[in-house]
C-alpha atoms as a PDB file:
ATOM      1  CA  MET A   1     232.666  18.913 149.216  1.00  0.00           C
ATOM      2  CA  MET A   2     235.359  16.697 150.819  1.00  0.00           C
ATOM      3  CA  GLU A   3     236.634  18.822 153.691  1.00  0.00           C
ATOM      4  CA  GLY A   4     238.835  16.807 155.972  1.00  0.00           C
ATOM      5  CA  ARG A   5     238.275  13.487 154.091  1.00  0.00           C
ATOM      6  CA  LEU A   6     239.865  10.495 152.781  1.00  0.00           C
ATOM      7  CA  ALA A   7     240.669  10.584 149.088  1.00  0.00           C
ATOM      8  CA  VAL A   8     242.658   7.855 147.125  1.00  0.00           C
ATOM      9  CA  ILE A   9     244.478   8.343 143.901  1.00  0.00           C
ATOM     10  CA  THR A  10     245.732   5.092 142.280  1.00  0.00           C
ATOM     11  CA  THR A  11     246.390   3.727 139.310  1.00  0.00           C
ATOM     12  CA  PRO A  12     242.971   2.286 137.270  1.00  0.00           C
ATOM     13  CA  HIS A  13     243.632  -1.321 138.374  1.00  0.00           C
ATOM     14  CA  SER A  14     243.606  -0.624 141.819  1.00  0.00           C
ATOM     15  CA  SER A  15     241.021   1.838 142.074  1.00  0.00           C
ATOM     16  CA  ALA A  16     238.158  -0.674 142.580  1.00  0.00           C
ATOM     17  CA  GLY A  17     238.873  -2.001 145.725  1.00  0.00           C
ATOM     18  CA  PHE A  18     239.205   1.644 147.248  1.00  0.00           C
ATOM     19  CA  ALA A  19     235.956   2.343 146.338  1.00  0.00           C
ATOM     20  CA  LEU A  20     234.443  -0.806 147.248  1.00  0.00           C
ATOM     21  CA  ALA A  21     235.581   0.487 150.669  1.00  0.00           C
ATOM     22  CA  GLY A  22     233.865   3.324 150.354  1.00  0.00           C
ATOM     23  CA  VAL A  23     235.868   6.382 149.971  1.00  0.00           C
ATOM     24  CA  SER A  24     236.651   9.152 147.204  1.00  0.00           C
ATOM     25  CA  VAL A  25     238.753   7.027 144.595  1.00  0.00           C
ATOM     26  CA  PHE A  26     240.242   9.283 141.367  1.00  0.00           C
ATOM     27  CA  PRO A  27     242.193   7.115 139.422  1.00  0.00           C
ATOM     28  CA  GLU A  28     245.291   8.842 137.262  1.00  0.00           C
ATOM     29  CA  VAL A  29     247.688   6.887 134.804  1.00  0.00           C
ATOM     30  CA  ASP A  30     250.740   8.791 135.751  1.00  0.00           C
ATOM     31  CA  GLY A  31     252.369  11.473 137.927  1.00  0.00           C
ATOM     32  CA  VAL A  32     251.088  14.480 135.481  1.00  0.00           C
ATOM     33  CA  SER A  33     247.713  13.497 135.942  1.00  0.00           C
ATOM     34  CA  ALA A  34     248.181  12.894 139.793  1.00  0.00           C
ATOM     35  CA  ALA A  35     250.080  15.994 140.377  1.00  0.00           C
ATOM     36  CA  ARG A  36     246.835  18.219 138.402  1.00  0.00           C
ATOM     37  CA  ARG A  37     244.192  16.077 140.859  1.00  0.00           C
ATOM     38  CA  ILE A  38     246.742  17.305 143.724  1.00  0.00           C
ATOM     39  CA  GLU A  39     246.509  20.788 142.932  1.00  0.00           C
ATOM     40  CA  LEU A  40     243.072  19.990 142.544  1.00  0.00           C
ATOM     41  CA  LEU A  41     242.414  18.754 145.401  1.00  0.00           C
ATOM     42  CA  ILE A  42     244.224  21.428 147.560  1.00  0.00           C
ATOM     43  CA  SER A  43     242.908  24.480 144.980  1.00  0.00           C
ATOM     44  CA  GLU A  44     239.156  23.024 146.350  1.00  0.00           C
ATOM     45  CA  SER A  45     239.959  22.056 150.101  1.00  0.00           C
ATOM     46  CA  GLN A  46     238.251  18.659 149.259  1.00  0.00           C
ATOM     47  CA  ALA A  47     240.521  16.324 151.553  1.00  0.00           C
ATOM     48  CA  GLY A  48     241.996  15.804 154.887  1.00  0.00           C
ATOM     49  CA  VAL A  49     244.264  12.936 153.831  1.00  0.00           C
ATOM     50  CA  VAL A  50     245.430  12.090 150.372  1.00  0.00           C
ATOM     51  CA  MET A  51     246.754   8.389 149.885  1.00  0.00           C
ATOM     52  CA  ILE A  52     248.604   7.915 146.875  1.00  0.00           C
ATOM     53  CA  GLU A  53     250.123   4.842 145.290  1.00  0.00           C
ATOM     54  CA  GLU A  54     253.721   5.069 145.859  1.00  0.00           C
ATOM     55  CA  ALA A  55     254.575   4.481 142.130  1.00  0.00           C
ATOM     56  CA  LEU A  56     252.756   7.624 141.010  1.00  0.00           C
ATOM     57  CA  PHE A  57     253.754   9.472 143.592  1.00  0.00           C
ATOM     58  CA  ARG A  58     257.617   8.423 142.654  1.00  0.00           C
ATOM     59  CA  ASP A  59     256.348  10.424 139.144  1.00  0.00           C
ATOM     60  CA  LEU A  60     255.015  13.555 141.093  1.00  0.00           C
ATOM     61  CA  PRO A  61     257.349  16.993 139.901  1.00  0.00           C
ATOM     62  CA  GLU A  62     259.758  17.366 142.780  1.00  0.00           C
ATOM     63  CA  ASP A  63     259.178  20.766 143.194  1.00  0.00           C
ATOM     64  CA  LEU A  64     255.111  19.611 144.358  1.00  0.00           C
ATOM     65  CA  LYS A  65     256.331  17.383 146.708  1.00  0.00           C
ATOM     66  CA  ARG A  66     258.437  19.546 148.139  1.00  0.00           C
ATOM     67  CA  VAL A  67     255.479  21.472 148.763  1.00  0.00           C
ATOM     68  CA  LEU A  68     253.087  18.635 150.001  1.00  0.00           C
ATOM     69  CA  LEU A  69     255.617  17.876 152.864  1.00  0.00           C
ATOM     70  CA  HIS A  70     255.682  21.388 154.288  1.00  0.00           C
ATOM     71  CA  LYS A  71     251.406  21.210 154.129  1.00  0.00           C
ATOM     72  CA  VAL A  72     249.524  20.353 156.993  1.00  0.00           C
ATOM     73  CA  VAL A  73     246.697  19.887 155.282  1.00  0.00           C
ATOM     74  CA  PRO A  74     246.139  17.611 153.269  1.00  0.00           C
ATOM     75  CA  VAL A  75     248.302  15.048 154.633  1.00  0.00           C
ATOM     76  CA  VAL A  76     249.344  13.028 151.615  1.00  0.00           C
ATOM     77  CA  ILE A  77     250.677   9.303 152.223  1.00  0.00           C
ATOM     78  CA  PRO A  78     252.618   7.172 149.676  1.00  0.00           C
ATOM     79  CA  ILE A  79     250.764   3.495 149.672  1.00  0.00           C
ATOM     80  CA  PRO A  80     252.599   0.681 148.156  1.00  0.00           C
ATOM     81  CA  GLY A  81     250.632  -0.296 144.874  1.00  0.00           C
ATOM     82  CA  PRO A  82     249.638  -3.751 144.471  1.00  0.00           C
ATOM     83  CA  SER A  83     252.765  -6.107 144.500  1.00  0.00           C
ATOM     84  CA  TRP A  84     251.607 -10.220 145.236  1.00  0.00           C
ATOM     85  CA  GLY A  85     254.442 -11.561 146.907  1.00  0.00           C
ATOM     86  CA  ALA A  86     256.475  -8.605 148.161  1.00  0.00           C
ATOM     87  CA  GLU A  87     257.606  -7.830 151.369  1.00  0.00           C
ATOM     88  CA  SER A  88     255.483  -5.826 153.312  1.00  0.00           C
ATOM     89  CA  THR A  89     256.808  -2.043 154.279  1.00  0.00           C
ATOM     90  CA  ALA A  90     253.501  -1.118 156.383  1.00  0.00           C
ATOM     91  CA  HIS A  91     255.276  -0.350 158.875  1.00  0.00           C
ATOM     92  CA  ASP A  92     257.765   1.811 157.410  1.00  0.00           C
ATOM     93  CA  TYR A  93     255.306   3.761 156.533  1.00  0.00           C
ATOM     94  CA  ILE A  94     253.162   4.034 159.292  1.00  0.00           C
ATOM     95  CA  VAL A  95     256.608   4.993 161.568  1.00  0.00           C
ATOM     96  CA  ASP A  96     257.237   7.704 159.062  1.00  0.00           C
ATOM     97  CA  ILE A  97     253.454   9.040 159.348  1.00  0.00           C
ATOM     98  CA  LEU A  98     253.434   9.124 163.079  1.00  0.00           C
ATOM     99  CA  ARG A  99     256.864  11.245 162.820  1.00  0.00           C
ATOM    100  CA  ARG A 100     255.362  13.228 160.418  1.00  0.00           C
ATOM    101  CA  ALA A 101     252.508  14.002 162.226  1.00  0.00           C
ATOM    102  CA  ILE A 102     253.745  14.726 166.293  1.00  0.00           C
ATOM    103  CA  GLY A 103     257.275  16.139 164.850  1.00  0.00           C
ATOM    104  CA  TYR A 104     259.811  12.984 166.398  1.00  0.00           C
ATOM    105  CA  ARG A 105     260.005   9.109 165.640  1.00  0.00           C
ATOM    106  CA  VAL A 106     258.520   6.637 167.619  1.00  0.00           C
ATOM    107  CA  ARG A 107     259.154   3.111 168.005  1.00  0.00           C
ATOM    108  CA  LEU A 108     256.239   0.654 167.302  1.00  0.00           C
ATOM    109  CA  GLN A 109     256.868  -2.923 168.694  1.00  0.00           C
END
């Protein structure tokens, strides 16, 4: 049982790096399979935090995204997939995570 633990849902080509970091990784090929994985993690209370590759998150059904926005556990965090040369938006993700966790927007400097 992984209750309260980190799970990562990513495309197969990105999964090895997360596995090397020692987290539970679930490689999925599209939004449909990623949605099934998230529903399974929720039903079995297996994860407290789920990081999901942004492309997979975008492909999730809209009704599941609405449910995830209102759930306290697991916290679902879309993360950018690998893209060499693209500007990082990590700052925006961190600010959004903090806003959801504490209920208001913070300014990081």
